[in-house]
Amino acid sequence: MTLKPATWYPIAVVLSVFNLAGAGFAVGQAQPEHAAIHVALAVAFGLWAQRLRSRSGGSEHRARPEGLDADGSRLEALEAEVSKLRQELVETQERLDFVERLLAQRPETRRVGP
């Protein structure tokens, strides 16, 4: 039994969202490698969802003549999205570094006097 792209699209979106949530929990647990894996999976599932969406709506787009302008605008949109994802990843890494520094200082402040 083969499922259509219209069926796989919501599955890919849900998997992407769950992996983003998993990355958040992994960051909360101070596990940067675990969080990086979840971020990579979220990006992969997100890209897969985009590909499925364009494939399921492909018949509508093919009815119009496509030229270099359409491909160029799609490429620019993809580059903008990759740039946005890179910025979000940098911000996430900065937050992770901040949390790691806070956790490293935490045992010193919890000491109880004699």
N, C-alpha and C. Protein backbone atom coordinates (compact mmCIF):
# COMPACT_ATOMS: atom_id res chain seq x y z
N MET A 1 0.85 -1.18 0.00
CA MET A 1 0.00 0.00 0.00
C MET A 1 0.89 1.24 0.00
N THR A 2 0.72 2.09 -0.99
CA THR A 2 1.50 3.30 -1.11
C THR A 2 0.62 4.50 -0.74
N LEU A 3 1.16 5.34 0.12
CA LEU A 3 0.41 6.53 0.51
C LEU A 3 0.79 7.69 -0.40
N LYS A 4 -0.16 8.55 -0.65
CA LYS A 4 0.05 9.71 -1.51
C LYS A 4 0.79 10.81 -0.74
N PRO A 5 1.44 11.72 -1.49
CA PRO A 5 2.12 12.83 -0.81
C PRO A 5 1.19 13.65 0.08
N ALA A 6 -0.08 13.73 -0.28
CA ALA A 6 -1.03 14.48 0.55
C ALA A 6 -1.21 13.81 1.91
N THR A 7 -0.99 12.50 1.98
CA THR A 7 -1.09 11.79 3.25
C THR A 7 0.21 11.91 4.04
N TRP A 8 1.36 11.86 3.35
CA TRP A 8 2.64 11.92 4.01
C TRP A 8 2.97 13.31 4.53
N TYR A 9 2.44 14.35 3.89
CA TYR A 9 2.78 15.72 4.28
C TYR A 9 2.47 15.99 5.76
N PRO A 10 1.24 15.74 6.25
CA PRO A 10 1.00 16.01 7.68
C PRO A 10 1.87 15.15 8.60
N ILE A 11 2.18 13.93 8.15
CA ILE A 11 3.04 13.07 8.96
C ILE A 11 4.43 13.70 9.09
N ALA A 12 4.97 14.19 7.97
CA ALA A 12 6.29 14.82 8.00
C ALA A 12 6.28 16.08 8.87
N VAL A 13 5.21 16.85 8.80
CA VAL A 13 5.12 18.07 9.61
C VAL A 13 5.09 17.71 11.10
N VAL A 14 4.29 16.71 11.46
CA VAL A 14 4.19 16.30 12.87
C VAL A 14 5.55 15.78 13.37
N LEU A 15 6.23 14.99 12.55
CA LEU A 15 7.55 14.49 12.94
C LEU A 15 8.54 15.64 13.13
N SER A 16 8.45 16.64 12.28
CA SER A 16 9.33 17.79 12.41
C SER A 16 9.05 18.54 13.72
N VAL A 17 7.78 18.75 14.01
CA VAL A 17 7.40 19.46 15.24
C VAL A 17 7.83 18.67 16.48
N PHE A 18 7.62 17.35 16.47
CA PHE A 18 8.03 16.54 17.62
C PHE A 18 9.54 16.59 17.82
N ASN A 19 10.29 16.60 16.74
CA ASN A 19 11.74 16.68 16.88
C ASN A 19 12.18 18.05 17.39
N LEU A 20 11.48 19.11 16.99
CA LEU A 20 11.80 20.43 17.56
C LEU A 20 11.52 20.44 19.06
N ALA A 21 10.41 19.83 19.46
CA ALA A 21 10.10 19.75 20.89
C ALA A 21 11.16 18.90 21.61
N GLY A 22 11.58 17.82 20.97
CA GLY A 22 12.62 16.97 21.55
C GLY A 22 13.92 17.73 21.70
N ALA A 23 14.23 18.59 20.74
CA ALA A 23 15.44 19.41 20.84
C ALA A 23 15.34 20.35 22.03
N GLY A 24 14.16 20.91 22.24
CA GLY A 24 13.97 21.80 23.39
C GLY A 24 14.17 21.07 24.71
N PHE A 25 13.62 19.86 24.81
CA PHE A 25 13.80 19.08 26.03
C PHE A 25 15.26 18.69 26.22
N ALA A 26 15.94 18.34 25.13
CA ALA A 26 17.35 17.96 25.23
C ALA A 26 18.20 19.15 25.67
N VAL A 27 17.87 20.35 25.18
CA VAL A 27 18.59 21.55 25.62
C VAL A 27 18.33 21.77 27.10
N GLY A 28 17.09 21.56 27.53
CA GLY A 28 16.75 21.71 28.94
C GLY A 28 17.50 20.75 29.84
N GLN A 29 17.84 19.58 29.30
CA GLN A 29 18.59 18.57 30.06
C GLN A 29 20.10 18.74 29.89
N ALA A 30 20.51 19.79 29.20
CA ALA A 30 21.94 20.08 28.95
C ALA A 30 22.62 18.93 28.21
N GLN A 31 21.98 18.49 27.14
CA GLN A 31 22.52 17.43 26.29
C GLN A 31 22.67 17.97 24.87
N PRO A 32 23.76 18.68 24.57
CA PRO A 32 23.89 19.34 23.27
C PRO A 32 23.93 18.38 22.09
N GLU A 33 24.55 17.21 22.24
CA GLU A 33 24.60 16.26 21.13
C GLU A 33 23.20 15.74 20.82
N HIS A 34 22.46 15.42 21.85
CA HIS A 34 21.10 14.94 21.70
C HIS A 34 20.24 16.01 21.03
N ALA A 35 20.39 17.25 21.46
CA ALA A 35 19.63 18.35 20.87
C ALA A 35 20.00 18.55 19.41
N ALA A 36 21.28 18.42 19.08
CA ALA A 36 21.72 18.59 17.69
C ALA A 36 21.10 17.53 16.79
N ILE A 37 20.99 16.31 17.28
CA ILE A 37 20.37 15.25 16.49
C ILE A 37 18.91 15.57 16.23
N HIS A 38 18.21 16.03 17.27
CA HIS A 38 16.79 16.39 17.09
C HIS A 38 16.63 17.56 16.12
N VAL A 39 17.51 18.54 16.19
CA VAL A 39 17.43 19.68 15.26
C VAL A 39 17.65 19.20 13.83
N ALA A 40 18.64 18.32 13.65
CA ALA A 40 18.91 17.80 12.30
C ALA A 40 17.72 17.01 11.78
N LEU A 41 17.10 16.20 12.62
CA LEU A 41 15.92 15.45 12.20
C LEU A 41 14.75 16.38 11.89
N ALA A 42 14.58 17.41 12.70
CA ALA A 42 13.49 18.36 12.46
C ALA A 42 13.67 19.06 11.12
N VAL A 43 14.90 19.46 10.81
CA VAL A 43 15.17 20.11 9.53
C VAL A 43 14.93 19.13 8.38
N ALA A 44 15.40 17.89 8.55
CA ALA A 44 15.21 16.89 7.49
C ALA A 44 13.73 16.63 7.23
N PHE A 45 12.95 16.45 8.30
CA PHE A 45 11.52 16.21 8.12
C PHE A 45 10.83 17.46 7.56
N GLY A 46 11.28 18.64 7.95
CA GLY A 46 10.71 19.87 7.41
C GLY A 46 10.96 20.00 5.91
N LEU A 47 12.19 19.70 5.50
CA LEU A 47 12.50 19.74 4.07
C LEU A 47 11.71 18.69 3.29
N TRP A 48 11.55 17.52 3.89
CA TRP A 48 10.75 16.47 3.26
C TRP A 48 9.30 16.94 3.11
N ALA A 49 8.77 17.59 4.14
CA ALA A 49 7.39 18.09 4.08
C ALA A 49 7.25 19.12 2.97
N GLN A 50 8.24 20.00 2.83
CA GLN A 50 8.18 20.99 1.75
C GLN A 50 8.19 20.32 0.40
N ARG A 51 9.03 19.31 0.26
CA ARG A 51 9.09 18.60 -1.02
C ARG A 51 7.77 17.90 -1.32
N LEU A 52 7.17 17.30 -0.29
CA LEU A 52 5.88 16.64 -0.49
C LEU A 52 4.80 17.65 -0.86
N ARG A 53 4.83 18.82 -0.23
CA ARG A 53 3.83 19.84 -0.52
C ARG A 53 3.96 20.32 -1.96
N SER A 54 5.19 20.52 -2.40
CA SER A 54 5.37 20.98 -3.78
C SER A 54 5.00 19.88 -4.77
N ARG A 55 5.22 18.62 -4.39
CA ARG A 55 4.86 17.51 -5.27
C ARG A 55 3.35 17.34 -5.35
N SER A 56 2.64 17.49 -4.21
CA SER A 56 1.19 17.32 -4.24
C SER A 56 0.51 18.47 -4.96
N GLY A 57 1.10 19.67 -4.91
CA GLY A 57 0.55 20.82 -5.61
C GLY A 57 1.21 21.02 -6.96
N GLY A 58 1.99 20.06 -7.39
CA GLY A 58 2.75 20.19 -8.62
C GLY A 58 1.89 20.33 -9.85
N SER A 59 0.71 19.69 -9.89
CA SER A 59 -0.14 19.78 -11.08
C SER A 59 -0.65 21.19 -11.29
N GLU A 60 -0.90 21.92 -10.18
CA GLU A 60 -1.36 23.30 -10.30
C GLU A 60 -0.24 24.18 -10.85
N HIS A 61 0.98 23.95 -10.39
CA HIS A 61 2.09 24.78 -10.83
C HIS A 61 2.50 24.47 -12.26
N ARG A 62 2.32 23.24 -12.70
CA ARG A 62 2.73 22.87 -14.04
C ARG A 62 1.76 23.37 -15.10
N ALA A 63 0.56 23.75 -14.70
CA ALA A 63 -0.40 24.28 -15.66
C ALA A 63 0.10 25.61 -16.22
N ARG A 64 0.86 26.35 -15.41
CA ARG A 64 1.44 27.61 -15.86
C ARG A 64 2.80 27.35 -16.45
N PRO A 65 3.22 28.14 -17.41
CA PRO A 65 4.58 27.95 -17.92
C PRO A 65 5.58 28.43 -16.87
N GLU A 66 6.57 27.59 -16.60
CA GLU A 66 7.59 27.95 -15.62
C GLU A 66 8.85 28.35 -16.36
N GLY A 67 9.45 29.41 -15.92
CA GLY A 67 10.69 29.85 -16.53
C GLY A 67 11.77 29.96 -15.48
N LEU A 68 12.81 30.61 -15.84
CA LEU A 68 13.91 30.80 -14.90
C LEU A 68 13.51 31.69 -13.74
N ASP A 69 12.57 32.61 -13.97
CA ASP A 69 12.13 33.49 -12.88
C ASP A 69 11.49 32.69 -11.76
N ALA A 70 10.66 31.73 -12.11
CA ALA A 70 9.99 30.92 -11.09
C ALA A 70 11.01 30.08 -10.33
N ASP A 71 11.96 29.47 -11.07
CA ASP A 71 12.99 28.68 -10.40
C ASP A 71 13.88 29.57 -9.55
N GLY A 72 14.18 30.76 -10.05
CA GLY A 72 15.02 31.68 -9.29
C GLY A 72 14.35 32.14 -8.02
N SER A 73 13.05 32.42 -8.09
CA SER A 73 12.34 32.87 -6.90
C SER A 73 12.22 31.73 -5.89
N ARG A 74 12.04 30.51 -6.37
CA ARG A 74 11.99 29.36 -5.46
C ARG A 74 13.34 29.16 -4.80
N LEU A 75 14.42 29.33 -5.57
CA LEU A 75 15.76 29.20 -5.02
C LEU A 75 16.03 30.28 -3.98
N GLU A 76 15.62 31.51 -4.27
CA GLU A 76 15.80 32.61 -3.31
C GLU A 76 15.01 32.36 -2.04
N ALA A 77 13.79 31.83 -2.18
CA ALA A 77 12.99 31.52 -1.00
C ALA A 77 13.65 30.43 -0.17
N LEU A 78 14.21 29.44 -0.83
CA LEU A 78 14.89 28.36 -0.13
C LEU A 78 16.15 28.88 0.57
N GLU A 79 16.90 29.74 -0.10
CA GLU A 79 18.09 30.32 0.51
C GLU A 79 17.72 31.17 1.72
N ALA A 80 16.63 31.91 1.62
CA ALA A 80 16.18 32.73 2.75
C ALA A 80 15.79 31.84 3.92
N GLU A 81 15.14 30.72 3.64
CA GLU A 81 14.73 29.82 4.71
C GLU A 81 15.94 29.16 5.36
N VAL A 82 16.92 28.75 4.56
CA VAL A 82 18.14 28.17 5.11
C VAL A 82 18.87 29.20 5.97
N SER A 83 18.91 30.43 5.52
CA SER A 83 19.53 31.50 6.30
C SER A 83 18.82 31.68 7.63
N LYS A 84 17.50 31.65 7.60
CA LYS A 84 16.71 31.79 8.82
C LYS A 84 16.98 30.62 9.77
N LEU A 85 17.05 29.40 9.22
CA LEU A 85 17.33 28.23 10.05
C LEU A 85 18.73 28.31 10.67
N ARG A 86 19.70 28.81 9.90
CA ARG A 86 21.05 28.97 10.44
C ARG A 86 21.05 29.95 11.60
N GLN A 87 20.33 31.06 11.44
CA GLN A 87 20.26 32.06 12.50
C GLN A 87 19.60 31.47 13.75
N GLU A 88 18.53 30.70 13.56
CA GLU A 88 17.86 30.07 14.69
C GLU A 88 18.79 29.07 15.38
N LEU A 89 19.58 28.34 14.59
CA LEU A 89 20.52 27.38 15.17
C LEU A 89 21.59 28.10 15.97
N VAL A 90 22.10 29.22 15.46
CA VAL A 90 23.10 30.01 16.19
C VAL A 90 22.51 30.50 17.51
N GLU A 91 21.29 31.00 17.47
CA GLU A 91 20.64 31.47 18.70
C GLU A 91 20.44 30.33 19.69
N THR A 92 20.07 29.16 19.18
CA THR A 92 19.88 28.00 20.05
C THR A 92 21.20 27.59 20.69
N GLN A 93 22.27 27.61 19.90
CA GLN A 93 23.58 27.26 20.45
C GLN A 93 24.02 28.27 21.51
N GLU A 94 23.74 29.55 21.29
CA GLU A 94 24.08 30.57 22.29
C GLU A 94 23.31 30.34 23.58
N ARG A 95 22.03 30.00 23.44
CA ARG A 95 21.22 29.73 24.63
C ARG A 95 21.73 28.49 25.36
N LEU A 96 22.11 27.48 24.60
CA LEU A 96 22.65 26.26 25.20
C LEU A 96 23.94 26.57 25.96
N ASP A 97 24.81 27.37 25.37
CA ASP A 97 26.05 27.75 26.05
C ASP A 97 25.74 28.50 27.35
N PHE A 98 24.76 29.38 27.31
CA PHE A 98 24.37 30.14 28.49
C PHE A 98 23.88 29.21 29.59
N VAL A 99 23.02 28.25 29.21
CA VAL A 99 22.48 27.31 30.19
C VAL A 99 23.60 26.44 30.76
N GLU A 100 24.53 26.01 29.91
CA GLU A 100 25.65 25.21 30.41
C GLU A 100 26.48 26.00 31.41
N ARG A 101 26.70 27.29 31.15
CA ARG A 101 27.46 28.12 32.11
C ARG A 101 26.69 28.25 33.41
N LEU A 102 25.38 28.43 33.33
CA LEU A 102 24.58 28.53 34.56
C LEU A 102 24.63 27.23 35.35
N LEU A 103 24.52 26.11 34.65
CA LEU A 103 24.57 24.82 35.34
C LEU A 103 25.94 24.56 35.94
N ALA A 104 26.98 25.04 35.31
CA ALA A 104 28.32 24.85 35.84
C ALA A 104 28.53 25.65 37.12
N GLN A 105 27.87 26.79 37.26
CA GLN A 105 28.00 27.64 38.44
C GLN A 105 27.08 27.20 39.57
N ARG A 106 26.06 26.46 39.25
CA ARG A 106 25.02 26.12 40.20
C ARG A 106 25.52 25.41 41.46
N PRO A 107 26.38 24.38 41.38
CA PRO A 107 26.79 23.70 42.62
C PRO A 107 27.49 24.61 43.61
N GLU A 108 28.20 25.63 43.15
CA GLU A 108 28.90 26.53 44.05
C GLU A 108 27.93 27.37 44.88
N THR A 109 26.79 27.73 44.34
CA THR A 109 25.85 28.60 45.05
C THR A 109 24.95 27.82 46.00
N ARG A 110 24.91 26.50 45.90
CA ARG A 110 24.00 25.71 46.74
C ARG A 110 24.65 25.23 48.04
N ARG A 111 25.86 25.59 48.30
CA ARG A 111 26.55 25.13 49.50
C ARG A 111 25.90 25.72 50.76
N VAL A 112 25.78 24.87 51.74
CA VAL A 112 25.18 25.29 53.00
C VAL A 112 26.31 25.40 54.04
N GLY A 113 26.26 26.45 54.81
CA GLY A 113 27.28 26.67 55.83
C GLY A 113 27.25 25.63 56.92
N PRO A 114 28.31 25.54 57.74
CA PRO A 114 28.39 24.54 58.83
C PRO A 114 27.40 24.77 59.94
